[in-house]
C-alpha atoms as a PDB file:
ATOM      1  CA  MET A   1     -36.563 -41.939  -4.953  1.00  0.00           C
ATOM      2  CA  LYS A   2     -34.212 -44.139  -2.964  1.00  0.00           C
ATOM      3  CA  LEU A   3     -34.187 -43.743   0.828  1.00  0.00           C
ATOM      4  CA  ASN A   4     -30.860 -45.251   1.813  1.00  0.00           C
ATOM      5  CA  TYR A   5     -30.598 -43.441   5.110  1.00  0.00           C
ATOM      6  CA  LEU A   6     -33.750 -45.064   6.489  1.00  0.00           C
ATOM      7  CA  ILE A   7     -31.598 -48.019   7.548  1.00  0.00           C
ATOM      8  CA  TRP A   8     -30.630 -45.863  10.529  1.00  0.00           C
ATOM      9  CA  LEU A   9     -34.116 -46.221  11.951  1.00  0.00           C
ATOM     10  CA  ASN A  10     -34.528 -48.814  14.639  1.00  0.00           C
ATOM     11  CA  LEU A  11     -37.360 -50.839  13.154  1.00  0.00           C
ATOM     12  CA  PHE A  12     -39.713 -50.806  10.226  1.00  0.00           C
ATOM     13  CA  LEU A  13     -42.507 -53.164   9.317  1.00  0.00           C
ATOM     14  CA  ILE A  14     -44.232 -53.764   6.001  1.00  0.00           C
ATOM     15  CA  VAL A  15     -47.774 -55.015   6.534  1.00  0.00           C
ATOM     16  CA  GLU A  16     -50.459 -55.104   3.843  1.00  0.00           C
ATOM     17  CA  GLU A  17     -48.868 -52.485   1.574  1.00  0.00           C
ATOM     18  CA  THR A  18     -48.273 -49.985   4.372  1.00  0.00           C
ATOM     19  CA  VAL A  19     -45.039 -49.141   6.104  1.00  0.00           C
ATOM     20  CA  SER A  20     -44.842 -48.297   9.783  1.00  0.00           C
ATOM     21  CA  PHE A  21     -41.725 -46.861  11.353  1.00  0.00           C
ATOM     22  CA  ILE A  22     -41.047 -47.184  15.035  1.00  0.00           C
ATOM     23  CA  ILE A  23     -38.469 -44.691  16.219  1.00  0.00           C
ATOM     24  CA  VAL A  24     -37.300 -44.793  19.807  1.00  0.00           C
ATOM     25  CA  ASP A  25     -34.718 -42.037  19.950  1.00  0.00           C
ATOM     26  CA  LYS A  26     -35.124 -38.318  19.399  1.00  0.00           C
ATOM     27  CA  ASP A  27     -31.876 -38.063  17.446  1.00  0.00           C
ATOM     28  CA  SER A  28     -33.356 -40.064  14.558  1.00  0.00           C
ATOM     29  CA  ILE A  29     -36.390 -37.797  14.572  1.00  0.00           C
ATOM     30  CA  GLN A  30     -34.336 -34.604  14.579  1.00  0.00           C
ATOM     31  CA  ASN A  31     -31.577 -35.752  12.217  1.00  0.00           C
ATOM     32  CA  ILE A  32     -33.395 -38.019   9.748  1.00  0.00           C
ATOM     33  CA  ILE A  33     -37.196 -37.775   9.773  1.00  0.00           C
ATOM     34  CA  ILE A  34     -37.683 -34.009  10.059  1.00  0.00           C
ATOM     35  CA  PRO A  35     -34.985 -33.108   7.502  1.00  0.00           C
ATOM     36  CA  HIS A  36     -36.419 -35.688   5.070  1.00  0.00           C
ATOM     37  CA  PHE A  37     -39.881 -34.135   5.176  1.00  0.00           C
ATOM     38  CA  LEU A  38     -38.439 -30.633   4.943  1.00  0.00           C
ATOM     39  CA  ASN A  39     -36.800 -31.696   1.665  1.00  0.00           C
ATOM     40  CA  TYR A  40     -39.718 -33.813   0.385  1.00  0.00           C
ATOM     41  CA  SER A  41     -42.868 -32.003   1.492  1.00  0.00           C
ATOM     42  CA  LEU A  42     -46.161 -33.612   2.322  1.00  0.00           C
ATOM     43  CA  ILE A  43     -49.438 -32.233   0.953  1.00  0.00           C
ATOM     44  CA  GLY A  44     -52.627 -31.052   2.668  1.00  0.00           C
ATOM     45  CA  THR A  45     -53.431 -31.927   6.266  1.00  0.00           C
ATOM     46  CA  LYS A  46     -50.462 -34.321   6.416  1.00  0.00           C
ATOM     47  CA  TYR A  47     -48.208 -31.286   5.921  1.00  0.00           C
ATOM     48  CA  LEU A  48     -49.973 -29.422   8.734  1.00  0.00           C
ATOM     49  CA  ASP A  49     -49.601 -32.479  10.985  1.00  0.00           C
ATOM     50  CA  PHE A  50     -45.905 -32.606  10.087  1.00  0.00           C
ATOM     51  CA  LEU A  51     -45.495 -28.956  11.116  1.00  0.00           C
ATOM     52  CA  SER A  52     -47.132 -29.779  14.460  1.00  0.00           C
ATOM     53  CA  PHE A  53     -44.858 -32.825  14.813  1.00  0.00           C
ATOM     54  CA  LYS A  54     -41.825 -30.645  14.082  1.00  0.00           C
ATOM     55  CA  LYS A  55     -42.962 -28.087  16.644  1.00  0.00           C
ATOM     56  CA  ALA A  56     -43.318 -30.834  19.270  1.00  0.00           C
ATOM     57  CA  GLY A  57     -39.880 -32.168  18.344  1.00  0.00           C
ATOM     58  CA  ASP A  58     -38.376 -28.704  18.763  1.00  0.00           C
ATOM     59  CA  ILE A  59     -39.980 -28.343  22.196  1.00  0.00           C
ATOM     60  CA  ILE A  60     -38.463 -31.646  23.296  1.00  0.00           C
ATOM     61  CA  ASN A  61     -35.111 -30.953  21.651  1.00  0.00           C
ATOM     62  CA  TYR A  62     -34.761 -27.636  23.504  1.00  0.00           C
ATOM     63  CA  LYS A  63     -35.897 -29.295  26.778  1.00  0.00           C
ATOM     64  CA  GLU A  64     -38.956 -27.053  27.013  1.00  0.00           C
ATOM     65  CA  HIS A  65     -41.126 -30.015  28.041  1.00  0.00           C
ATOM     66  CA  LEU A  66     -39.781 -30.519  31.547  1.00  0.00           C
ATOM     67  CA  LEU A  67     -42.345 -28.404  33.395  1.00  0.00           C
ATOM     68  CA  TYR A  68     -46.059 -29.146  33.723  1.00  0.00           C
ATOM     69  CA  LYS A  69     -47.101 -25.943  31.925  1.00  0.00           C
ATOM     70  CA  ASP A  70     -44.870 -26.873  29.014  1.00  0.00           C
ATOM     71  CA  ILE A  71     -46.200 -30.432  28.835  1.00  0.00           C
ATOM     72  CA  LYS A  72     -49.597 -28.846  28.199  1.00  0.00           C
ATOM     73  CA  LYS A  73     -48.110 -27.358  25.006  1.00  0.00           C
ATOM     74  CA  LEU A  74     -47.321 -30.888  23.793  1.00  0.00           C
ATOM     75  CA  VAL A  75     -50.798 -32.098  24.715  1.00  0.00           C
ATOM     76  CA  ASN A  76     -52.386 -29.247  22.760  1.00  0.00           C
ATOM     77  CA  ILE A  77     -50.188 -29.960  19.746  1.00  0.00           C
ATOM     78  CA  SER A  78     -51.144 -33.620  19.930  1.00  0.00           C
ATOM     79  CA  LYS A  79     -54.854 -32.765  20.070  1.00  0.00           C
ATOM     80  CA  SER A  80     -54.548 -30.602  16.961  1.00  0.00           C
ATOM     81  CA  MET A  81     -53.036 -33.410  14.874  1.00  0.00           C
ATOM     82  CA  ASN A  82     -54.936 -35.853  12.654  1.00  0.00           C
ATOM     83  CA  THR A  83     -57.941 -33.587  12.382  1.00  0.00           C
ATOM     84  CA  LEU A  84     -59.404 -32.014   9.296  1.00  0.00           C
ATOM     85  CA  VAL A  85     -58.506 -28.348   9.045  1.00  0.00           C
ATOM     86  CA  PHE A  86     -60.830 -26.089   7.070  1.00  0.00           C
END
């Protein structure tokens, strides 16, 4: 699979057989990253983390993160990520 559109990302590093992407604008997240993983699904807990990431992106995209009570939603989403779900 060839990922030509990844050149739109601001920076990527290849270090010891891993790739890290650093994205600094929400437009790249909403228009490139999220659609990519909707088309090419992840498996297992990575998929669940992606759904949480997408939910957080939607909150920010719709400007629902501007009040303190809404920031708590993002904090709770963040806490639920990268954990084993049984």
